Amino acid sequence: MPDVRIELDYRTPLELLVAVILSAQCTDKRVNLVTPALFERFPDASAYARASAEEVEPFIQSCGLYRAKAKNLVAAARALVAEHGGEVPRSRASLETLPGVGHKTAGVVCMHLGGDEAFPVDTHVKRLAFRLGFTRHTDPDKVEEDMRGLLPSPQWMKGHQLLVWHGRRTCFARSPACERCVVADLCPKKGVRLKPSAEPRETP
């Protein structure tokens, strides 16, 4: 999978942070459709900070949980202006103090901005790490701990992206496409319930 990369479009650290916040319960494709107009209207943290949540909502209405996300974007921007000079911090702990930014979101932002080292665990990483036998845990923090222990830190970003990429294209939550999986021969398929092959019915 040589083309593996983050699939959110962004040009600045703030645009990355906003896109990752919007991606919760929403596809990256949908986020990429709404962000061009959003980024044009709100080019920096000060622009978001001066706005109300109601002004942001129309730009992100097609994203899931858009009202909560609009409120968080405004609140996070106000915190950035007040506490960080309008800049996105590179510290995972500092990012997690921002409204709407959890441990996974902070990890993704840090990873792509060259901040604190992280191996963010989203739904795809969590599912594949278990199926491939890399972890026995389901708690994202414990899964991240296991993945960080398996790979040297320079490979964490690539490892995260490969699991996400593979989870979106082949190792689906339901009915994984094991027949075209590039690591099928190595995969223990933990927790996977493969559909039984259809057997011919006896004719009376």
N, C-alpha and C. Protein backbone atom coordinates (compact mmCIF):
# COMPACT_ATOMS: atom_id res chain seq x y z
N MET A 1 0.84 -1.19 0.00
CA MET A 1 0.00 0.00 0.00
C MET A 1 0.88 1.25 0.00
N PRO A 2 1.55 1.51 -1.11
CA PRO A 2 2.52 2.61 -1.16
C PRO A 2 1.88 4.01 -1.09
N ASP A 3 0.60 4.11 -1.37
CA ASP A 3 -0.05 5.42 -1.39
C ASP A 3 -0.64 5.82 -0.04
N VAL A 4 -0.37 5.04 1.00
CA VAL A 4 -0.99 5.29 2.29
C VAL A 4 -0.65 6.71 2.79
N ARG A 5 -1.67 7.40 3.29
CA ARG A 5 -1.51 8.77 3.77
C ARG A 5 -2.79 9.16 4.51
N ILE A 6 -2.75 10.27 5.20
CA ILE A 6 -3.96 10.80 5.79
C ILE A 6 -4.86 11.28 4.66
N GLU A 7 -6.15 11.03 4.76
CA GLU A 7 -7.06 11.36 3.66
C GLU A 7 -7.84 12.65 3.89
N LEU A 8 -7.51 13.37 4.93
CA LEU A 8 -8.11 14.69 5.15
C LEU A 8 -7.27 15.75 4.44
N ASP A 9 -7.94 16.70 3.79
CA ASP A 9 -7.24 17.78 3.10
C ASP A 9 -7.02 18.94 4.06
N TYR A 10 -5.80 19.43 4.13
CA TYR A 10 -5.49 20.58 4.98
C TYR A 10 -4.20 21.22 4.50
N ARG A 11 -4.02 22.48 4.85
CA ARG A 11 -2.81 23.21 4.47
C ARG A 11 -2.06 23.77 5.67
N THR A 12 -2.74 23.96 6.77
CA THR A 12 -2.14 24.56 7.95
C THR A 12 -2.43 23.70 9.18
N PRO A 13 -1.70 23.90 10.26
CA PRO A 13 -1.99 23.15 11.49
C PRO A 13 -3.43 23.35 11.98
N LEU A 14 -3.95 24.57 11.87
CA LEU A 14 -5.32 24.81 12.31
C LEU A 14 -6.31 24.05 11.43
N GLU A 15 -6.08 24.04 10.13
CA GLU A 15 -6.97 23.30 9.23
C GLU A 15 -6.93 21.81 9.54
N LEU A 16 -5.77 21.29 9.90
CA LEU A 16 -5.68 19.89 10.28
C LEU A 16 -6.50 19.64 11.54
N LEU A 17 -6.33 20.47 12.55
CA LEU A 17 -7.07 20.31 13.79
C LEU A 17 -8.57 20.34 13.55
N VAL A 18 -9.03 21.31 12.76
CA VAL A 18 -10.46 21.43 12.47
C VAL A 18 -10.96 20.20 11.71
N ALA A 19 -10.21 19.76 10.72
CA ALA A 19 -10.63 18.60 9.93
C ALA A 19 -10.73 17.34 10.77
N VAL A 20 -9.77 17.15 11.67
CA VAL A 20 -9.80 15.96 12.52
C VAL A 20 -10.97 16.02 13.48
N ILE A 21 -11.27 17.18 14.03
CA ILE A 21 -12.44 17.33 14.90
C ILE A 21 -13.71 16.98 14.13
N LEU A 22 -13.81 17.47 12.91
CA LEU A 22 -15.01 17.21 12.10
C LEU A 22 -15.14 15.74 11.68
N SER A 23 -14.03 15.02 11.64
CA SER A 23 -14.05 13.64 11.13
C SER A 23 -14.69 12.64 12.09
N ALA A 24 -14.92 13.04 13.34
CA ALA A 24 -15.58 12.14 14.28
C ALA A 24 -17.00 11.85 13.81
N GLN A 25 -17.35 10.57 13.72
CA GLN A 25 -18.67 10.15 13.25
C GLN A 25 -18.98 10.69 11.86
N CYS A 26 -17.95 10.83 11.04
CA CYS A 26 -18.14 11.37 9.70
C CYS A 26 -17.00 10.86 8.82
N THR A 27 -17.26 10.67 7.54
CA THR A 27 -16.22 10.19 6.65
C THR A 27 -15.28 11.32 6.26
N ASP A 28 -14.04 10.96 5.96
CA ASP A 28 -13.08 11.97 5.50
C ASP A 28 -13.55 12.60 4.19
N LYS A 29 -14.21 11.82 3.35
CA LYS A 29 -14.72 12.35 2.09
C LYS A 29 -15.71 13.47 2.34
N ARG A 30 -16.61 13.28 3.28
CA ARG A 30 -17.59 14.31 3.61
C ARG A 30 -16.89 15.54 4.19
N VAL A 31 -15.94 15.32 5.07
CA VAL A 31 -15.20 16.45 5.67
C VAL A 31 -14.52 17.26 4.58
N ASN A 32 -13.90 16.58 3.62
CA ASN A 32 -13.21 17.29 2.54
C ASN A 32 -14.16 18.07 1.64
N LEU A 33 -15.42 17.70 1.63
CA LEU A 33 -16.40 18.44 0.84
C LEU A 33 -16.80 19.75 1.51
N VAL A 34 -16.82 19.75 2.85
CA VAL A 34 -17.30 20.95 3.55
C VAL A 34 -16.18 21.90 3.94
N THR A 35 -14.96 21.41 4.06
CA THR A 35 -13.92 22.29 4.60
C THR A 35 -13.44 23.42 3.68
N PRO A 36 -13.46 23.29 2.34
CA PRO A 36 -12.99 24.43 1.55
C PRO A 36 -13.74 25.73 1.86
N ALA A 37 -15.05 25.69 1.91
CA ALA A 37 -15.83 26.89 2.22
C ALA A 37 -15.63 27.31 3.67
N LEU A 38 -15.53 26.35 4.56
CA LEU A 38 -15.31 26.64 5.98
C LEU A 38 -13.97 27.33 6.18
N PHE A 39 -12.92 26.81 5.55
CA PHE A 39 -11.59 27.38 5.71
C PHE A 39 -11.49 28.76 5.09
N GLU A 40 -12.23 29.00 4.02
CA GLU A 40 -12.22 30.32 3.40
C GLU A 40 -12.89 31.35 4.30
N ARG A 41 -13.99 30.95 4.93
CA ARG A 41 -14.72 31.87 5.81
C ARG A 41 -13.99 32.11 7.13
N PHE A 42 -13.32 31.08 7.63
CA PHE A 42 -12.62 31.17 8.91
C PHE A 42 -11.15 30.80 8.70
N PRO A 43 -10.32 31.74 8.26
CA PRO A 43 -8.94 31.42 7.87
C PRO A 43 -7.97 31.23 9.03
N ASP A 44 -8.35 31.68 10.22
CA ASP A 44 -7.44 31.53 11.36
C ASP A 44 -8.24 31.38 12.65
N ALA A 45 -7.53 31.16 13.75
CA ALA A 45 -8.21 30.93 15.02
C ALA A 45 -9.02 32.15 15.46
N SER A 46 -8.52 33.32 15.16
CA SER A 46 -9.24 34.54 15.56
C SER A 46 -10.59 34.64 14.87
N ALA A 47 -10.67 34.21 13.63
CA ALA A 47 -11.93 34.26 12.89
C ALA A 47 -12.97 33.34 13.53
N TYR A 48 -12.55 32.15 13.91
CA TYR A 48 -13.47 31.25 14.62
C TYR A 48 -13.85 31.83 15.97
N ALA A 49 -12.86 32.40 16.67
CA ALA A 49 -13.09 32.91 18.02
C ALA A 49 -14.08 34.05 18.04
N ARG A 50 -14.10 34.84 16.97
CA ARG A 50 -15.04 35.97 16.91
C ARG A 50 -16.45 35.53 16.52
N ALA A 51 -16.58 34.32 16.02
CA ALA A 51 -17.87 33.84 15.52
C ALA A 51 -18.69 33.19 16.64
N SER A 52 -19.94 32.96 16.32
CA SER A 52 -20.79 32.16 17.21
C SER A 52 -20.91 30.76 16.60
N ALA A 53 -21.33 29.82 17.42
CA ALA A 53 -21.52 28.47 16.91
C ALA A 53 -22.55 28.46 15.79
N GLU A 54 -23.56 29.31 15.92
CA GLU A 54 -24.62 29.36 14.91
C GLU A 54 -24.09 29.84 13.55
N GLU A 55 -23.05 30.64 13.56
CA GLU A 55 -22.45 31.08 12.30
C GLU A 55 -21.63 29.97 11.64
N VAL A 56 -21.10 29.07 12.43
CA VAL A 56 -20.29 27.97 11.91
C VAL A 56 -21.17 26.82 11.40
N GLU A 57 -22.30 26.62 12.04
CA GLU A 57 -23.14 25.46 11.76
C GLU A 57 -23.49 25.26 10.28
N PRO A 58 -23.89 26.30 9.54
CA PRO A 58 -24.27 26.06 8.14
C PRO A 58 -23.16 25.47 7.28
N PHE A 59 -21.91 25.73 7.64
CA PHE A 59 -20.78 25.23 6.85
C PHE A 59 -20.54 23.74 7.07
N ILE A 60 -20.97 23.21 8.22
CA ILE A 60 -20.66 21.82 8.56
C ILE A 60 -21.93 20.99 8.81
N GLN A 61 -23.05 21.49 8.33
CA GLN A 61 -24.34 20.86 8.64
C GLN A 61 -24.45 19.43 8.13
N SER A 62 -23.72 19.10 7.08
CA SER A 62 -23.82 17.74 6.54
C SER A 62 -22.93 16.76 7.29
N CYS A 63 -22.13 17.25 8.23
CA CYS A 63 -21.32 16.37 9.07
C CYS A 63 -22.14 15.92 10.28
N GLY A 64 -21.88 14.74 10.76
CA GLY A 64 -22.58 14.27 11.95
C GLY A 64 -22.26 15.13 13.16
N LEU A 65 -23.24 15.26 14.05
CA LEU A 65 -23.07 16.00 15.31
C LEU A 65 -22.61 17.44 15.07
N TYR A 66 -23.14 18.07 14.03
CA TYR A 66 -22.60 19.36 13.60
C TYR A 66 -22.80 20.46 14.64
N ARG A 67 -23.88 20.41 15.39
CA ARG A 67 -24.10 21.47 16.39
C ARG A 67 -23.03 21.42 17.48
N ALA A 68 -22.76 20.22 17.98
CA ALA A 68 -21.73 20.08 19.01
C ALA A 68 -20.36 20.44 18.45
N LYS A 69 -20.10 20.06 17.21
CA LYS A 69 -18.81 20.35 16.60
C LYS A 69 -18.63 21.85 16.38
N ALA A 70 -19.68 22.53 15.96
CA ALA A 70 -19.58 23.99 15.78
C ALA A 70 -19.28 24.68 17.10
N LYS A 71 -19.94 24.23 18.15
CA LYS A 71 -19.70 24.80 19.48
C LYS A 71 -18.26 24.55 19.92
N ASN A 72 -17.76 23.34 19.67
CA ASN A 72 -16.39 23.01 20.07
C ASN A 72 -15.35 23.77 19.25
N LEU A 73 -15.61 23.94 17.94
CA LEU A 73 -14.66 24.68 17.11
C LEU A 73 -14.49 26.11 17.60
N VAL A 74 -15.59 26.74 17.93
CA VAL A 74 -15.52 28.12 18.42
C VAL A 74 -14.80 28.17 19.77
N ALA A 75 -15.17 27.26 20.67
CA ALA A 75 -14.56 27.24 22.00
C ALA A 75 -13.07 26.90 21.93
N ALA A 76 -12.71 25.95 21.06
CA ALA A 76 -11.31 25.58 20.92
C ALA A 76 -10.50 26.75 20.37
N ALA A 77 -11.06 27.46 19.40
CA ALA A 77 -10.36 28.61 18.81
C ALA A 77 -10.17 29.71 19.84
N ARG A 78 -11.16 29.93 20.67
CA ARG A 78 -11.01 30.95 21.71
C ARG A 78 -9.91 30.57 22.69
N ALA A 79 -9.80 29.27 22.99
CA ALA A 79 -8.72 28.81 23.87
C ALA A 79 -7.36 28.95 23.19
N LEU A 80 -7.31 28.68 21.89
CA LEU A 80 -6.06 28.85 21.15
C LEU A 80 -5.60 30.30 21.18
N VAL A 81 -6.53 31.22 20.97
CA VAL A 81 -6.20 32.65 20.98
C VAL A 81 -5.77 33.09 22.36
N ALA A 82 -6.51 32.65 23.38
CA ALA A 82 -6.24 33.12 24.75
C ALA A 82 -4.98 32.50 25.35
N GLU A 83 -4.71 31.24 25.01
CA GLU A 83 -3.65 30.52 25.71
C GLU A 83 -2.43 30.17 24.85
N HIS A 84 -2.59 30.21 23.52
CA HIS A 84 -1.50 29.76 22.66
C HIS A 84 -1.19 30.74 21.52
N GLY A 85 -1.61 31.97 21.67
CA GLY A 85 -1.33 32.97 20.65
C GLY A 85 -1.95 32.65 19.31
N GLY A 86 -3.03 31.88 19.31
CA GLY A 86 -3.71 31.53 18.07
C GLY A 86 -3.08 30.37 17.32
N GLU A 87 -2.03 29.79 17.87
CA GLU A 87 -1.33 28.68 17.22
C GLU A 87 -1.74 27.34 17.81
N VAL A 88 -1.66 26.29 17.01
CA VAL A 88 -1.99 24.95 17.47
C VAL A 88 -0.78 24.37 18.19
N PRO A 89 -0.94 23.97 19.46
CA PRO A 89 0.20 23.40 20.19
C PRO A 89 0.59 22.03 19.66
N ARG A 90 1.83 21.65 19.88
CA ARG A 90 2.34 20.34 19.45
C ARG A 90 2.32 19.33 20.59
N SER A 91 1.95 19.77 21.77
CA SER A 91 1.89 18.88 22.92
C SER A 91 0.53 18.19 22.97
N ARG A 92 0.55 16.87 23.13
CA ARG A 92 -0.70 16.12 23.19
C ARG A 92 -1.52 16.54 24.40
N ALA A 93 -0.86 16.75 25.52
CA ALA A 93 -1.55 17.16 26.74
C ALA A 93 -2.23 18.52 26.55
N SER A 94 -1.53 19.46 25.90
CA SER A 94 -2.12 20.79 25.66
C SER A 94 -3.29 20.69 24.70
N LEU A 95 -3.17 19.88 23.67
CA LEU A 95 -4.26 19.71 22.72
C LEU A 95 -5.50 19.13 23.39
N GLU A 96 -5.29 18.22 24.32
CA GLU A 96 -6.43 17.57 24.97
C GLU A 96 -7.20 18.50 25.89
N THR A 97 -6.65 19.66 26.20
CA THR A 97 -7.39 20.63 27.01
C THR A 97 -8.39 21.41 26.17
N LEU A 98 -8.27 21.31 24.84
CA LEU A 98 -9.16 22.07 23.95
C LEU A 98 -10.51 21.37 23.83
N PRO A 99 -11.60 22.13 23.84
CA PRO A 99 -12.93 21.53 23.65
C PRO A 99 -13.01 20.75 22.35
N GLY A 100 -13.57 19.54 22.42
CA GLY A 100 -13.75 18.72 21.24
C GLY A 100 -12.54 17.93 20.83
N VAL A 101 -11.45 18.03 21.61
CA VAL A 101 -10.21 17.32 21.27
C VAL A 101 -9.96 16.23 22.31
N GLY A 102 -10.14 14.97 21.91
CA GLY A 102 -9.87 13.86 22.79
C GLY A 102 -8.47 13.30 22.55
N HIS A 103 -8.20 12.18 23.18
CA HIS A 103 -6.87 11.58 23.12
C HIS A 103 -6.49 11.18 21.70
N LYS A 104 -7.44 10.59 20.97
CA LYS A 104 -7.15 10.16 19.60
C LYS A 104 -6.93 11.35 18.69
N THR A 105 -7.82 12.34 18.76
CA THR A 105 -7.69 13.54 17.92
C THR A 105 -6.36 14.24 18.19
N ALA A 106 -6.02 14.38 19.46
CA ALA A 106 -4.75 15.03 19.82
C ALA A 106 -3.57 14.24 19.26
N GLY A 107 -3.67 12.92 19.31
CA GLY A 107 -2.60 12.08 18.79
C GLY A 107 -2.42 12.24 17.29
N VAL A 108 -3.52 12.30 16.55
CA VAL A 108 -3.45 12.47 15.10
C VAL A 108 -2.80 13.81 14.76
N VAL A 109 -3.22 14.86 15.45
CA VAL A 109 -2.66 16.19 15.17
C VAL A 109 -1.17 16.22 15.48
N CYS A 110 -0.80 15.70 16.65
CA CYS A 110 0.62 15.67 17.02
C CYS A 110 1.45 14.90 16.00
N MET A 111 0.93 13.75 15.60
CA MET A 111 1.65 12.88 14.68
C MET A 111 1.97 13.59 13.37
N HIS A 112 1.01 14.34 12.85
CA HIS A 112 1.21 14.99 11.55
C HIS A 112 1.90 16.34 11.64
N LEU A 113 1.96 16.91 12.83
CA LEU A 113 2.64 18.19 12.99
C LEU A 113 4.04 18.04 13.56
N GLY A 114 4.46 16.79 13.78
CA GLY A 114 5.79 16.58 14.33
C GLY A 114 5.89 16.93 15.79
N GLY A 115 4.77 16.78 16.51
CA GLY A 115 4.77 17.06 17.94
C GLY A 115 5.07 15.81 18.74
N ASP A 116 4.39 15.65 19.87
CA ASP A 116 4.59 14.47 20.71
C ASP A 116 4.36 13.20 19.90
N GLU A 117 5.17 12.18 20.17
CA GLU A 117 5.00 10.92 19.47
C GLU A 117 3.70 10.25 19.91
N ALA A 118 3.03 9.62 18.95
CA ALA A 118 1.74 9.02 19.25
C ALA A 118 1.44 7.90 18.26
N PHE A 119 0.59 6.98 18.69
CA PHE A 119 0.06 5.95 17.80
C PHE A 119 -1.46 5.99 18.02
N PRO A 120 -2.14 6.96 17.40
CA PRO A 120 -3.57 7.15 17.66
C PRO A 120 -4.39 5.91 17.31
N VAL A 121 -5.38 5.65 18.13
CA VAL A 121 -6.22 4.47 17.93
C VAL A 121 -7.65 4.92 17.61
N ASP A 122 -8.02 4.79 16.34
CA ASP A 122 -9.40 5.04 15.95
C ASP A 122 -10.10 3.69 15.81
N THR A 123 -11.30 3.70 15.26
CA THR A 123 -12.06 2.45 15.16
C THR A 123 -11.37 1.42 14.29
N HIS A 124 -10.67 1.87 13.24
CA HIS A 124 -9.99 0.93 12.34
C HIS A 124 -8.76 0.33 13.01
N VAL A 125 -7.95 1.15 13.64
CA VAL A 125 -6.76 0.66 14.32
C VAL A 125 -7.16 -0.31 15.43
N LYS A 126 -8.18 0.05 16.17
CA LYS A 126 -8.64 -0.82 17.25
C LYS A 126 -9.08 -2.19 16.71
N ARG A 127 -9.86 -2.18 15.64
CA ARG A 127 -10.38 -3.43 15.07
C ARG A 127 -9.26 -4.30 14.49
N LEU A 128 -8.38 -3.68 13.70
CA LEU A 128 -7.34 -4.45 13.04
C LEU A 128 -6.27 -4.93 14.01
N ALA A 129 -5.93 -4.12 15.00
CA ALA A 129 -4.93 -4.55 15.96
C ALA A 129 -5.39 -5.81 16.69
N PHE A 130 -6.69 -5.88 16.96
CA PHE A 130 -7.23 -7.08 17.63
C PHE A 130 -7.27 -8.26 16.66
N ARG A 131 -7.79 -8.04 15.46
CA ARG A 131 -7.91 -9.13 14.49
C ARG A 131 -6.55 -9.73 14.13
N LEU A 132 -5.55 -8.89 14.03
CA LEU A 132 -4.23 -9.35 13.64
C LEU A 132 -3.43 -9.94 14.81
N GLY A 133 -4.02 -9.88 15.99
CA GLY A 133 -3.36 -10.46 17.15
C GLY A 133 -2.31 -9.58 17.78
N PHE A 134 -2.32 -8.26 17.47
CA PHE A 134 -1.33 -7.35 18.04
C PHE A 134 -1.69 -6.96 19.47
N THR A 135 -2.95 -7.12 19.84
CA THR A 135 -3.41 -6.75 21.18
C THR A 135 -4.54 -7.67 21.59
N ARG A 136 -4.72 -7.80 22.89
CA ARG A 136 -5.87 -8.53 23.43
C ARG A 136 -6.88 -7.56 24.03
N HIS A 137 -6.56 -6.29 23.94
CA HIS A 137 -7.39 -5.28 24.59
C HIS A 137 -8.37 -4.62 23.62
N THR A 138 -9.38 -4.00 24.18
CA THR A 138 -10.33 -3.21 23.39
C THR A 138 -10.32 -1.74 23.82
N ASP A 139 -9.75 -1.45 24.98
CA ASP A 139 -9.63 -0.06 25.42
C ASP A 139 -8.59 0.63 24.55
N PRO A 140 -8.95 1.75 23.91
CA PRO A 140 -8.01 2.42 22.98
C PRO A 140 -6.66 2.76 23.60
N ASP A 141 -6.65 3.18 24.85
CA ASP A 141 -5.37 3.54 25.48
C ASP A 141 -4.46 2.31 25.62
N LYS A 142 -5.05 1.17 25.95
CA LYS A 142 -4.26 -0.05 26.09
C LYS A 142 -3.82 -0.57 24.72
N VAL A 143 -4.69 -0.41 23.72
CA VAL A 143 -4.31 -0.79 22.36
C VAL A 143 -3.13 0.05 21.90
N GLU A 144 -3.19 1.35 22.15
CA GLU A 144 -2.07 2.22 21.76
C GLU A 144 -0.80 1.81 22.48
N GLU A 145 -0.89 1.48 23.74
CA GLU A 145 0.28 1.05 24.50
C GLU A 145 0.90 -0.20 23.88
N ASP A 146 0.04 -1.15 23.49
CA ASP A 146 0.54 -2.38 22.86
C ASP A 146 1.21 -2.09 21.52
N MET A 147 0.59 -1.24 20.70
CA MET A 147 1.15 -0.93 19.39
C MET A 147 2.47 -0.19 19.51
N ARG A 148 2.57 0.69 20.48
CA ARG A 148 3.82 1.42 20.70
C ARG A 148 4.93 0.47 21.15
N GLY A 149 4.53 -0.59 21.83
CA GLY A 149 5.52 -1.56 22.28
C GLY A 149 5.98 -2.49 21.17
N LEU A 150 5.16 -2.67 20.14
CA LEU A 150 5.49 -3.58 19.05
C LEU A 150 6.39 -2.95 17.99
N LEU A 151 6.22 -1.66 17.79
CA LEU A 151 6.95 -0.99 16.71
C LEU A 151 7.87 0.09 17.27
N PRO A 152 9.03 0.30 16.65
CA PRO A 152 9.88 1.43 17.05
C PRO A 152 9.17 2.74 16.69
N SER A 153 9.39 3.77 17.48
CA SER A 153 8.65 5.01 17.32
C SER A 153 8.73 5.62 15.93
N PRO A 154 9.83 5.51 15.18
CA PRO A 154 9.83 6.07 13.83
C PRO A 154 8.79 5.44 12.90
N GLN A 155 8.27 4.27 13.27
CA GLN A 155 7.30 3.59 12.42
C GLN A 155 5.86 3.77 12.89
N TRP A 156 5.66 4.52 13.95
CA TRP A 156 4.30 4.66 14.49
C TRP A 156 3.36 5.35 13.51
N MET A 157 3.81 6.40 12.88
CA MET A 157 2.94 7.13 11.95
C MET A 157 2.54 6.23 10.78
N LYS A 158 3.53 5.55 10.19
CA LYS A 158 3.24 4.67 9.06
C LYS A 158 2.35 3.50 9.50
N GLY A 159 2.64 2.96 10.67
CA GLY A 159 1.83 1.85 11.17
C GLY A 159 0.38 2.24 11.37
N HIS A 160 0.17 3.41 11.96
CA HIS A 160 -1.19 3.92 12.15
C HIS A 160 -1.90 4.08 10.81
N GLN A 161 -1.24 4.71 9.87
CA GLN A 161 -1.86 4.97 8.57
C GLN A 161 -2.15 3.68 7.80
N LEU A 162 -1.24 2.71 7.89
CA LEU A 162 -1.47 1.44 7.19
C LEU A 162 -2.69 0.72 7.73
N LEU A 163 -2.86 0.71 9.05
CA LEU A 163 -4.01 0.04 9.63
C LEU A 163 -5.31 0.75 9.24
N VAL A 164 -5.30 2.07 9.27
CA VAL A 164 -6.50 2.83 8.87
C VAL A 164 -6.82 2.58 7.40
N TRP A 165 -5.81 2.66 6.55
CA TRP A 165 -5.98 2.48 5.10
C TRP A 165 -6.54 1.09 4.80
N HIS A 166 -5.95 0.07 5.43
CA HIS A 166 -6.38 -1.31 5.20
C HIS A 166 -7.79 -1.54 5.76
N GLY A 167 -8.08 -0.92 6.89
CA GLY A 167 -9.41 -1.08 7.47
C GLY A 167 -10.51 -0.46 6.64
N ARG A 168 -10.18 0.60 5.92
CA ARG A 168 -11.18 1.27 5.09
C ARG A 168 -11.39 0.59 3.75
N ARG A 169 -10.39 -0.16 3.30
CA ARG A 169 -10.46 -0.72 1.95
C ARG A 169 -10.64 -2.23 1.89
N THR A 170 -10.26 -2.92 2.96
CA THR A 170 -10.31 -4.38 2.90
C THR A 170 -10.85 -5.02 4.18
N CYS A 171 -10.27 -4.67 5.31
CA CYS A 171 -10.63 -5.33 6.57
C CYS A 171 -11.79 -4.60 7.23
N PHE A 172 -12.96 -4.70 6.61
CA PHE A 172 -14.15 -4.00 7.07
C PHE A 172 -14.65 -4.57 8.40
N ALA A 173 -15.43 -3.76 9.09
CA ALA A 173 -15.99 -4.22 10.36
C ALA A 173 -16.89 -5.43 10.15
N ARG A 174 -17.69 -5.35 9.12
CA ARG A 174 -18.56 -6.48 8.77
C ARG A 174 -18.11 -7.03 7.42
N SER A 175 -18.10 -8.31 7.32
CA SER A 175 -17.72 -8.99 6.07
C SER A 175 -16.39 -8.51 5.53
N PRO A 176 -15.30 -8.70 6.27
CA PRO A 176 -13.98 -8.30 5.75
C PRO A 176 -13.65 -9.08 4.48
N ALA A 177 -12.99 -8.41 3.55
CA ALA A 177 -12.67 -9.02 2.26
C ALA A 177 -11.38 -9.83 2.37
N CYS A 178 -11.44 -10.91 3.13
CA CYS A 178 -10.25 -11.73 3.39
C CYS A 178 -9.67 -12.34 2.11
N GLU A 179 -10.52 -12.53 1.11
CA GLU A 179 -10.06 -13.17 -0.12
C GLU A 179 -9.08 -12.29 -0.90
N ARG A 180 -9.05 -10.98 -0.64
CA ARG A 180 -8.10 -10.11 -1.33
C ARG A 180 -7.19 -9.37 -0.36
N CYS A 181 -7.08 -9.90 0.84
CA CYS A 181 -6.24 -9.27 1.86
C CYS A 181 -4.77 -9.63 1.63
N VAL A 182 -3.90 -8.64 1.67
CA VAL A 182 -2.48 -8.87 1.40
C VAL A 182 -1.77 -9.58 2.56
N VAL A 183 -2.39 -9.63 3.72
CA VAL A 183 -1.78 -10.33 4.86
C VAL A 183 -2.67 -11.46 5.36
N ALA A 184 -3.52 -11.98 4.50
CA ALA A 184 -4.47 -13.02 4.90
C ALA A 184 -3.75 -14.24 5.47
N ASP A 185 -2.62 -14.62 4.88
CA ASP A 185 -1.92 -15.82 5.34
C ASP A 185 -1.29 -15.65 6.72
N LEU A 186 -1.13 -14.41 7.13
CA LEU A 186 -0.50 -14.13 8.43
C LEU A 186 -1.52 -13.79 9.51
N CYS A 187 -2.75 -13.55 9.11
CA CYS A 187 -3.77 -13.03 10.03
C CYS A 187 -4.47 -14.14 10.80
N PRO A 188 -4.49 -14.06 12.13
CA PRO A 188 -5.23 -15.07 12.91
C PRO A 188 -6.74 -14.85 12.90
N LYS A 189 -7.18 -13.72 12.33
CA LYS A 189 -8.61 -13.41 12.19
C LYS A 189 -9.35 -13.48 13.53
N LYS A 190 -8.75 -12.94 14.57
CA LYS A 190 -9.39 -12.98 15.88
C LYS A 190 -10.68 -12.17 15.87
N GLY A 191 -11.75 -12.82 16.31
CA GLY A 191 -13.05 -12.15 16.37
C GLY A 191 -13.78 -12.07 15.06
N VAL A 192 -13.22 -12.60 13.98
CA VAL A 192 -13.86 -12.53 12.67
C VAL A 192 -14.75 -13.75 12.48
N ARG A 193 -15.98 -13.49 12.12
CA ARG A 193 -16.92 -14.57 11.82
C ARG A 193 -17.11 -14.64 10.32
N LEU A 194 -16.41 -15.56 9.72
CA LEU A 194 -16.52 -15.69 8.28
C LEU A 194 -17.81 -16.41 7.91
N LYS A 195 -18.39 -15.95 6.81
CA LYS A 195 -19.62 -16.58 6.36
C LYS A 195 -19.32 -17.99 5.86
N PRO A 196 -20.11 -18.99 6.30
CA PRO A 196 -19.87 -20.35 5.82
C PRO A 196 -20.13 -20.44 4.33
N SER A 197 -19.35 -21.25 3.66
CA SER A 197 -19.57 -21.41 2.23
C SER A 197 -20.88 -22.15 1.98
N ALA A 198 -21.55 -21.74 0.94
CA ALA A 198 -22.86 -22.35 0.64
C ALA A 198 -22.65 -23.78 0.13
N GLU A 199 -23.37 -24.72 0.69
CA GLU A 199 -23.29 -26.11 0.25
C GLU A 199 -24.51 -26.44 -0.59
N PRO A 200 -24.32 -27.26 -1.60
CA PRO A 200 -25.46 -27.60 -2.46
C PRO A 200 -26.53 -28.33 -1.67
N ARG A 201 -27.74 -28.00 -1.93
CA ARG A 201 -28.87 -28.64 -1.25
C ARG A 201 -29.19 -29.96 -1.94
N GLU A 202 -29.56 -30.92 -1.14
CA GLU A 202 -29.93 -32.23 -1.71
C GLU A 202 -31.30 -32.12 -2.39
N THR A 203 -31.38 -32.73 -3.53
CA THR A 203 -32.68 -32.74 -4.19
C THR A 203 -33.47 -33.93 -3.71
N PRO A 204 -34.75 -33.80 -3.50
CA PRO A 204 -35.57 -34.91 -3.00
C PRO A 204 -35.66 -36.03 -4.03
